[in-house]
Amino acid sequence: MIQVPSRPKARTKKAPQDTAAGCRIRADADLLASVAMLTANQRVRFERSAATWTARADLLQSLEERLAARHSEEVKPAAEPDAAKIRI
């Protein structure tokens, strides 16, 4: 019989911009840099960048929470799997 290769393991080391914490760090850095800008355009660009990084962090955080909730639901064994099928 032919051996089927197993799937490669998922990447465990994520880039900083692919985590909620990394995005929040980037947003804080951009907001801090906006304070030091001399022109209004530079300040607005950094503030908009900070808002975008914050929105990305919120999105990634919600995805991580939903994934964790889904995994916890899959792990819970049903007490009586056929109990829902019984009508009284």
C-alpha atoms as a PDB file:
ATOM      1  CA  MET A   1       0.000   0.000   0.000  1.00  0.00           C
ATOM      2  CA  ILE A   2       1.209   3.527  -0.770  1.00  0.00           C
ATOM      3  CA  GLN A   3       2.080   5.651   2.213  1.00  0.00           C
ATOM      4  CA  VAL A   4       0.294   9.008   2.188  1.00  0.00           C
ATOM      5  CA  PRO A   5       2.460  11.762   3.667  1.00  0.00           C
ATOM      6  CA  SER A   6       1.009  13.469   6.698  1.00  0.00           C
ATOM      7  CA  ARG A   7      -0.015  17.096   6.574  1.00  0.00           C
ATOM      8  CA  PRO A   8       2.682  19.552   7.554  1.00  0.00           C
ATOM      9  CA  LYS A   9       2.197  21.099  10.974  1.00  0.00           C
ATOM     10  CA  ALA A  10       0.692  24.549  11.165  1.00  0.00           C
ATOM     11  CA  ARG A  11       3.039  27.450  11.613  1.00  0.00           C
ATOM     12  CA  THR A  12       3.312  28.167  15.321  1.00  0.00           C
ATOM     13  CA  LYS A  13       5.476  31.276  15.156  1.00  0.00           C
ATOM     14  CA  LYS A  14       3.305  34.083  13.835  1.00  0.00           C
ATOM     15  CA  ALA A  15       4.594  37.377  12.561  1.00  0.00           C
ATOM     16  CA  PRO A  16       3.898  40.271  14.960  1.00  0.00           C
ATOM     17  CA  GLN A  17       1.399  41.848  12.567  1.00  0.00           C
ATOM     18  CA  ASP A  18      -0.569  38.577  12.574  1.00  0.00           C
ATOM     19  CA  THR A  19      -1.341  38.720  16.303  1.00  0.00           C
ATOM     20  CA  ALA A  20      -3.639  41.047  18.219  1.00  0.00           C
ATOM     21  CA  ALA A  21      -0.857  41.994  20.631  1.00  0.00           C
ATOM     22  CA  GLY A  22       1.537  42.831  17.789  1.00  0.00           C
ATOM     23  CA  CYS A  23      -1.079  45.019  16.114  1.00  0.00           C
ATOM     24  CA  ARG A  24      -1.751  46.870  19.364  1.00  0.00           C
ATOM     25  CA  ILE A  25       1.982  47.520  19.817  1.00  0.00           C
ATOM     26  CA  ARG A  26       2.165  48.895  16.283  1.00  0.00           C
ATOM     27  CA  ALA A  27      -0.914  51.086  16.897  1.00  0.00           C
ATOM     28  CA  ASP A  28       0.631  52.489  20.085  1.00  0.00           C
ATOM     29  CA  ALA A  29       3.891  53.223  18.250  1.00  0.00           C
ATOM     30  CA  ASP A  30       2.075  55.026  15.421  1.00  0.00           C
ATOM     31  CA  LEU A  31      -0.011  57.057  17.861  1.00  0.00           C
ATOM     32  CA  LEU A  32       3.106  58.043  19.765  1.00  0.00           C
ATOM     33  CA  ALA A  33       4.850  58.990  16.508  1.00  0.00           C
ATOM     34  CA  SER A  34       1.886  61.155  15.506  1.00  0.00           C
ATOM     35  CA  VAL A  35       2.509  63.400  18.500  1.00  0.00           C
ATOM     36  CA  ALA A  36       6.034  64.178  17.292  1.00  0.00           C
ATOM     37  CA  MET A  37       5.028  65.104  13.725  1.00  0.00           C
ATOM     38  CA  LEU A  38       5.418  68.707  12.632  1.00  0.00           C
ATOM     39  CA  THR A  39       2.750  68.930   9.947  1.00  0.00           C
ATOM     40  CA  ALA A  40      -0.939  68.157  10.238  1.00  0.00           C
ATOM     41  CA  ASN A  41      -0.786  65.750   7.270  1.00  0.00           C
ATOM     42  CA  GLN A  42       1.898  63.626   8.903  1.00  0.00           C
ATOM     43  CA  ARG A  43      -0.007  63.610  12.176  1.00  0.00           C
ATOM     44  CA  VAL A  44      -3.278  62.582  10.460  1.00  0.00           C
ATOM     45  CA  ARG A  45      -1.542  59.787   8.549  1.00  0.00           C
ATOM     46  CA  PHE A  46      -0.051  58.304  11.725  1.00  0.00           C
ATOM     47  CA  GLU A  47      -3.347  58.659  13.603  1.00  0.00           C
ATOM     48  CA  ARG A  48      -5.180  56.896  10.765  1.00  0.00           C
ATOM     49  CA  SER A  49      -2.536  54.178  10.738  1.00  0.00           C
ATOM     50  CA  ALA A  50      -2.962  53.713  14.497  1.00  0.00           C
ATOM     51  CA  ALA A  51      -6.730  53.415  14.067  1.00  0.00           C
ATOM     52  CA  THR A  52      -6.263  50.832  11.322  1.00  0.00           C
ATOM     53  CA  TRP A  53      -3.872  48.748  13.436  1.00  0.00           C
ATOM     54  CA  THR A  54      -6.316  48.931  16.354  1.00  0.00           C
ATOM     55  CA  ALA A  55      -9.178  47.740  14.143  1.00  0.00           C
ATOM     56  CA  ARG A  56      -7.016  44.861  12.884  1.00  0.00           C
ATOM     57  CA  ALA A  57      -6.118  43.937  16.476  1.00  0.00           C
ATOM     58  CA  ASP A  58      -9.812  43.891  17.429  1.00  0.00           C
ATOM     59  CA  LEU A  59     -10.612  41.687  14.435  1.00  0.00           C
ATOM     60  CA  LEU A  60      -7.809  39.230  15.210  1.00  0.00           C
ATOM     61  CA  GLN A  61      -8.810  39.138  18.886  1.00  0.00           C
ATOM     62  CA  SER A  62     -12.422  38.296  18.024  1.00  0.00           C
ATOM     63  CA  LEU A  63     -11.272  35.579  15.613  1.00  0.00           C
ATOM     64  CA  GLU A  64      -9.023  34.050  18.267  1.00  0.00           C
ATOM     65  CA  GLU A  65     -11.845  34.111  20.830  1.00  0.00           C
ATOM     66  CA  ARG A  66     -14.330  32.485  18.438  1.00  0.00           C
ATOM     67  CA  LEU A  67     -11.806  29.810  17.486  1.00  0.00           C
ATOM     68  CA  ALA A  68     -11.106  29.067  21.148  1.00  0.00           C
ATOM     69  CA  ALA A  69     -14.846  28.850  21.842  1.00  0.00           C
ATOM     70  CA  ARG A  70     -15.330  26.477  18.915  1.00  0.00           C
ATOM     71  CA  HIS A  71     -12.500  24.238  20.125  1.00  0.00           C
ATOM     72  CA  SER A  72     -13.909  24.149  23.655  1.00  0.00           C
ATOM     73  CA  GLU A  73     -17.331  23.129  22.282  1.00  0.00           C
ATOM     74  CA  GLU A  74     -15.759  20.311  20.277  1.00  0.00           C
ATOM     75  CA  VAL A  75     -13.933  18.999  23.329  1.00  0.00           C
ATOM     76  CA  LYS A  76     -17.041  18.799  25.547  1.00  0.00           C
ATOM     77  CA  PRO A  77     -18.514  15.304  25.382  1.00  0.00           C
ATOM     78  CA  ALA A  78     -22.295  15.087  25.341  1.00  0.00           C
ATOM     79  CA  ALA A  79     -23.687  13.575  28.532  1.00  0.00           C
ATOM     80  CA  GLU A  80     -26.300  11.517  26.691  1.00  0.00           C
ATOM     81  CA  PRO A  81     -26.042  11.843  22.924  1.00  0.00           C
ATOM     82  CA  ASP A  82     -29.374  10.108  22.285  1.00  0.00           C
ATOM     83  CA  ALA A  83     -31.271  12.000  24.993  1.00  0.00           C
ATOM     84  CA  ALA A  84     -32.225  14.806  22.590  1.00  0.00           C
ATOM     85  CA  LYS A  85     -33.878  12.318  20.249  1.00  0.00           C
ATOM     86  CA  ILE A  86     -36.275  10.937  22.883  1.00  0.00           C
ATOM     87  CA  ARG A  87     -39.750  12.471  23.029  1.00  0.00           C
ATOM     88  CA  ILE A  88     -41.736  12.238  26.229  1.00  0.00           C
END
